[in-house]
């Protein structure tokens, strides 16, 4: 199995983390442990150096958006040059909680996309709209991407939560879509329609653990092995064999992350 977006940090899993990491080795061919700031990036990198199936990313979540100075960018660049760091992310725009201004978030996103271009790293985007809109954060991230015409190797919209129109805009740009446990929720009909319309070779699966526990495990802390529930929903929506879809996803992941 694969999980292209997890957050396996000590602050979430405590003393159980070493055991969990070892147990996953027998079932996972690939797990991408995603950084959201400098601390978690370094923690993810340390784990990736110990486990063959695990890779790390370096990123700053939009919740922590600020105007990055030269030392911040140099530190991120240094991390991105490590062979165990396979992408820049997660980065992007989050308008849901309004932790900081849209302008600051957009500025940081632009700075980080420039860094991805310079280091030739794929990008993992976090895009979450405000409570008043289904498209505002997507509209703005498209504006940031299009206005600068970045030459990026690959882009993943992680934990996609948009509609079919937004999906079409992503696909038209040649980007990839990753689905998480919210795909299995009873109220996610429009998201399932988007997932069904996503070509299999643009499709990825993730847990975003410890968040977004799939419906059958709701109430529990999410874990990488629960990715099977989302994966099985994608198998059902695409009317494809599990083996074939997993093979496609593994090949797509290797292409994106240069593995």
Protein backbone atom coordinates (compact mmCIF):
# COMPACT_ATOMS: atom_id res chain seq x y z
CA UNK A 1 0.00 0.00 0.00
CA UNK A 2 0.98 3.65 -0.33
CA UNK A 3 0.11 6.78 1.62
CA UNK A 4 1.26 9.93 -0.15
CA UNK A 5 0.50 12.32 2.70
CA UNK A 6 0.89 11.55 6.40
CA UNK A 7 2.00 13.47 9.48
CA UNK A 8 3.82 10.96 11.65
CA UNK A 9 5.16 13.19 14.41
CA UNK A 10 5.83 12.52 18.06
CA UNK A 11 3.40 15.25 19.11
CA UNK A 12 0.54 13.28 17.53
CA UNK A 13 1.52 9.67 18.26
CA UNK A 14 3.74 10.00 21.34
CA UNK A 15 5.61 6.96 22.57
CA UNK A 16 3.72 4.75 20.10
CA UNK A 17 5.40 6.32 17.08
CA UNK A 18 8.49 4.02 16.87
CA UNK A 19 6.28 0.93 17.07
CA UNK A 20 3.85 2.27 14.46
CA UNK A 21 6.68 3.11 12.07
CA UNK A 22 8.15 -0.39 12.35
CA UNK A 23 4.76 -2.09 11.93
CA UNK A 24 4.02 -0.18 8.74
CA UNK A 25 7.17 -1.45 7.03
CA UNK A 26 5.62 -4.83 6.15
CA UNK A 27 2.56 -3.34 4.40
CA UNK A 28 3.74 -0.13 2.75
CA UNK A 29 5.86 0.30 -0.35
CA UNK A 30 5.80 4.08 0.08
CA UNK A 31 4.77 6.57 2.74
CA UNK A 32 5.39 10.30 2.33
CA UNK A 33 5.80 11.95 5.73
CA UNK A 34 4.97 15.61 5.18
CA UNK A 35 6.51 18.55 7.03
CA UNK A 36 4.44 21.59 8.01
CA UNK A 37 7.25 23.70 9.54
CA UNK A 38 10.97 23.43 10.17
CA UNK A 39 10.58 21.26 13.28
CA UNK A 40 8.29 18.67 11.70
CA UNK A 41 10.29 18.66 8.48
CA UNK A 42 13.41 17.70 10.41
CA UNK A 43 11.48 15.07 12.37
CA UNK A 44 10.11 13.59 9.14
CA UNK A 45 13.59 13.60 7.64
CA UNK A 46 15.03 11.74 10.63
CA UNK A 47 12.42 8.99 10.24
CA UNK A 48 12.95 8.77 6.48
CA UNK A 49 16.64 8.09 7.07
CA UNK A 50 15.75 5.00 9.13
CA UNK A 51 12.99 3.43 7.02
CA UNK A 52 13.33 2.34 3.39
CA UNK A 53 9.61 2.73 2.62
CA UNK A 54 9.42 6.29 3.95
CA UNK A 55 10.32 9.62 2.37
CA UNK A 56 9.98 13.14 3.75
CA UNK A 57 8.99 16.58 2.49
CA UNK A 58 9.96 20.08 3.57
CA UNK A 59 7.28 22.71 3.90
CA UNK A 60 5.57 25.52 5.77
CA UNK A 61 1.82 25.14 6.18
CA UNK A 62 -0.18 28.31 5.44
CA UNK A 63 -1.29 28.36 9.09
CA UNK A 64 2.28 29.47 9.82
CA UNK A 65 2.49 31.93 6.94
CA UNK A 66 4.85 34.85 7.26
CA UNK A 67 7.12 36.88 5.06
CA UNK A 68 10.12 34.58 4.67
CA UNK A 69 13.53 36.17 5.03
CA UNK A 70 16.72 35.04 3.34
CA UNK A 71 17.75 32.76 6.21
CA UNK A 72 14.37 30.94 6.10
CA UNK A 73 14.70 30.34 2.39
CA UNK A 74 18.31 29.20 2.70
CA UNK A 75 17.35 26.70 5.41
CA UNK A 76 14.52 25.33 3.29
CA UNK A 77 16.82 25.11 0.28
CA UNK A 78 19.37 23.18 2.35
CA UNK A 79 16.68 20.73 3.45
CA UNK A 80 15.36 20.30 -0.09
CA UNK A 81 18.79 19.23 -1.29
CA UNK A 82 18.71 16.19 1.00
CA UNK A 83 17.95 13.07 -1.10
CA UNK A 84 15.41 11.86 1.46
CA UNK A 85 13.35 15.04 0.93
CA UNK A 86 11.30 14.35 -2.19
CA UNK A 87 9.01 17.41 -2.40
CA UNK A 88 8.30 20.92 -1.19
CA UNK A 89 5.16 20.89 0.91
CA UNK A 90 2.88 21.18 2.28
CA UNK A 91 2.42 24.79 1.29
CA UNK A 92 -0.50 26.78 -0.05
CA UNK A 93 -3.53 28.75 1.09
CA UNK A 94 -5.94 28.13 3.98
CA UNK A 95 -8.81 30.59 4.28
CA UNK A 96 -10.95 28.44 6.56
CA UNK A 97 -9.51 29.40 9.94
CA UNK A 98 -8.17 32.84 8.96
CA UNK A 99 -5.04 32.41 11.08
CA UNK A 100 -3.34 35.09 9.01
CA UNK A 101 -4.12 37.39 6.11
CA UNK A 102 -4.69 36.17 2.60
CA UNK A 103 -2.04 38.57 1.35
CA UNK A 104 0.64 37.10 3.63
CA UNK A 105 -0.35 33.57 2.63
CA UNK A 106 -0.22 34.41 -1.07
CA UNK A 107 3.16 36.11 -0.71
CA UNK A 108 4.66 33.11 1.10
CA UNK A 109 3.17 30.71 -1.44
CA UNK A 110 4.87 32.70 -4.21
CA UNK A 111 8.22 32.65 -2.40
CA UNK A 112 8.00 28.90 -1.87
CA UNK A 113 6.94 28.16 -5.44
CA UNK A 114 10.00 30.08 -6.63
CA UNK A 115 12.11 27.87 -4.37
CA UNK A 116 10.50 24.73 -5.80
CA UNK A 117 11.35 25.97 -9.27
CA UNK A 118 14.95 26.65 -8.28
CA UNK A 119 15.43 23.23 -6.66
CA UNK A 120 13.34 21.33 -9.23
CA UNK A 121 11.18 19.76 -6.54
CA UNK A 122 7.54 18.72 -6.92
CA UNK A 123 5.04 20.69 -4.86
CA UNK A 124 2.35 19.48 -2.46
CA UNK A 125 -0.38 22.10 -2.18
CA UNK A 126 -2.80 22.59 0.69
CA UNK A 127 -5.80 24.59 -0.52
CA UNK A 128 -8.80 25.13 1.76
CA UNK A 129 -11.52 27.65 1.06
CA UNK A 130 -13.33 29.94 3.46
CA UNK A 131 -16.65 28.98 5.03
CA UNK A 132 -18.37 31.39 2.66
CA UNK A 133 -16.97 30.03 -0.61
CA UNK A 134 -16.27 26.80 -2.48
CA UNK A 135 -13.61 28.32 -4.69
CA UNK A 136 -11.88 31.40 -3.18
CA UNK A 137 -8.64 29.69 -2.12
CA UNK A 138 -8.50 27.68 -5.36
CA UNK A 139 -9.08 30.82 -7.43
CA UNK A 140 -6.22 32.57 -5.64
CA UNK A 141 -3.74 29.70 -5.86
CA UNK A 142 -4.45 29.45 -9.61
CA UNK A 143 -3.75 33.20 -9.85
CA UNK A 144 -0.45 32.78 -8.02
CA UNK A 145 0.55 29.83 -10.20
CA UNK A 146 -0.51 31.41 -13.48
CA UNK A 147 0.76 34.93 -12.89
CA UNK A 148 4.34 33.77 -12.32
CA UNK A 149 4.32 30.96 -14.89
CA UNK A 150 6.43 28.75 -12.63
CA UNK A 151 8.30 25.90 -14.27
CA UNK A 152 7.49 23.21 -11.72
CA UNK A 153 8.18 19.52 -12.26
CA UNK A 154 4.90 18.26 -10.73
CA UNK A 155 2.12 19.64 -8.50
CA UNK A 156 -0.20 17.70 -6.19
CA UNK A 157 -3.42 19.15 -4.78
CA UNK A 158 -3.50 17.18 -1.55
CA UNK A 159 -6.71 16.25 0.30
CA UNK A 160 -8.79 17.63 -2.54
CA UNK A 161 -12.10 19.11 -1.41
CA UNK A 162 -13.19 21.06 -4.47
CA UNK A 163 -15.94 20.61 -7.03
CA UNK A 164 -15.89 19.24 -10.57
CA UNK A 165 -15.23 22.68 -12.11
CA UNK A 166 -12.18 23.16 -9.89
CA UNK A 167 -11.05 19.63 -10.68
CA UNK A 168 -11.16 20.42 -14.40
CA UNK A 169 -8.95 23.49 -13.85
CA UNK A 170 -6.40 21.38 -12.01
CA UNK A 171 -6.38 18.64 -14.62
CA UNK A 172 -6.09 21.13 -17.49
CA UNK A 173 -2.82 22.32 -15.96
CA UNK A 174 -1.44 18.79 -15.83
CA UNK A 175 -1.52 18.56 -12.03
CA UNK A 176 -2.37 15.64 -9.76
CA UNK A 177 -5.17 15.09 -7.24
CA UNK A 178 -4.91 13.27 -3.92
CA UNK A 179 -7.96 12.07 -1.98
CA UNK A 180 -8.19 11.45 1.77
CA UNK A 181 -10.64 9.94 4.26
CA UNK A 182 -13.30 12.62 3.74
CA UNK A 183 -14.03 10.87 0.43
CA UNK A 184 -15.81 8.19 2.50
CA UNK A 185 -18.08 10.55 4.46
CA UNK A 186 -21.84 10.33 3.78
CA UNK A 187 -22.06 14.03 2.89
CA UNK A 188 -19.22 13.91 0.34
CA UNK A 189 -21.30 13.12 -2.74
CA UNK A 190 -19.83 15.92 -4.88
CA UNK A 191 -16.31 14.92 -3.83
CA UNK A 192 -16.97 11.34 -4.91
CA UNK A 193 -18.21 12.65 -8.26
CA UNK A 194 -14.92 14.54 -8.64
CA UNK A 195 -12.91 11.45 -7.68
CA UNK A 196 -14.77 9.36 -10.23
CA UNK A 197 -13.96 11.96 -12.90
CA UNK A 198 -10.26 12.04 -12.01
CA UNK A 199 -8.21 9.94 -14.47
CA UNK A 200 -6.52 7.01 -12.76
CA UNK A 201 -3.07 8.22 -13.80
CA UNK A 202 -3.64 11.59 -12.05
CA UNK A 203 -4.95 9.97 -8.89
CA UNK A 204 -3.24 9.60 -5.53
CA UNK A 205 -4.43 8.40 -2.13
CA UNK A 206 -3.54 9.61 1.35
CA UNK A 207 -4.61 9.63 4.97
CA UNK A 208 -3.52 13.12 6.05
CA UNK A 209 -3.25 11.34 9.40
CA UNK A 210 -3.86 12.02 12.21
CA UNK A 211 -6.73 13.97 10.60
CA UNK A 212 -9.69 12.93 8.44
CA UNK A 213 -10.22 9.42 9.76
CA UNK A 214 -12.30 7.42 7.23
CA UNK A 215 -15.98 6.91 7.99
CA UNK A 216 -15.66 3.34 9.29
CA UNK A 217 -13.08 4.45 11.86
CA UNK A 218 -14.56 7.83 12.78
CA UNK A 219 -13.87 8.69 16.40
CA UNK A 220 -10.40 7.13 16.26
CA UNK A 221 -7.11 8.84 15.54
CA UNK A 222 -6.29 8.33 11.89
CA UNK A 223 -3.35 6.06 11.01
CA UNK A 224 -1.61 5.21 7.72
CA UNK A 225 -3.14 1.74 7.52
CA UNK A 226 -6.60 3.33 7.34
CA UNK A 227 -5.69 4.54 3.84
CA UNK A 228 -7.25 1.26 2.66
CA UNK A 229 -10.75 2.64 3.27
CA UNK A 230 -10.17 5.57 0.93
CA UNK A 231 -8.34 3.39 -1.56
CA UNK A 232 -11.23 0.91 -1.65
CA UNK A 233 -13.69 3.75 -2.27
CA UNK A 234 -11.57 4.84 -5.24
CA UNK A 235 -11.53 1.26 -6.54
CA UNK A 236 -15.32 1.22 -6.31
CA UNK A 237 -15.74 4.60 -8.03
CA UNK A 238 -13.40 3.69 -10.90
CA UNK A 239 -14.67 0.12 -11.26
CA UNK A 240 -11.12 -1.16 -11.45
CA UNK A 241 -9.26 -4.00 -9.77
CA UNK A 242 -7.39 -3.08 -6.57
CA UNK A 243 -4.15 -4.48 -7.98
CA UNK A 244 -4.39 -2.44 -11.16
CA UNK A 245 -5.19 0.81 -9.37
CA UNK A 246 -2.41 0.28 -6.84
CA UNK A 247 0.06 -0.38 -9.65
CA UNK A 248 -1.00 2.83 -11.41
CA UNK A 249 -0.68 4.84 -8.19
CA UNK A 250 2.74 3.39 -7.44
CA UNK A 251 3.98 4.30 -10.91
CA UNK A 252 2.52 7.80 -10.62
CA UNK A 253 4.18 8.28 -7.23
CA UNK A 254 7.55 7.15 -8.58
CA UNK A 255 7.22 9.61 -11.45
CA UNK A 256 6.23 12.56 -9.23
CA UNK A 257 8.78 11.97 -6.48
CA UNK A 258 11.54 10.69 -8.79
CA UNK A 259 11.92 7.38 -6.95
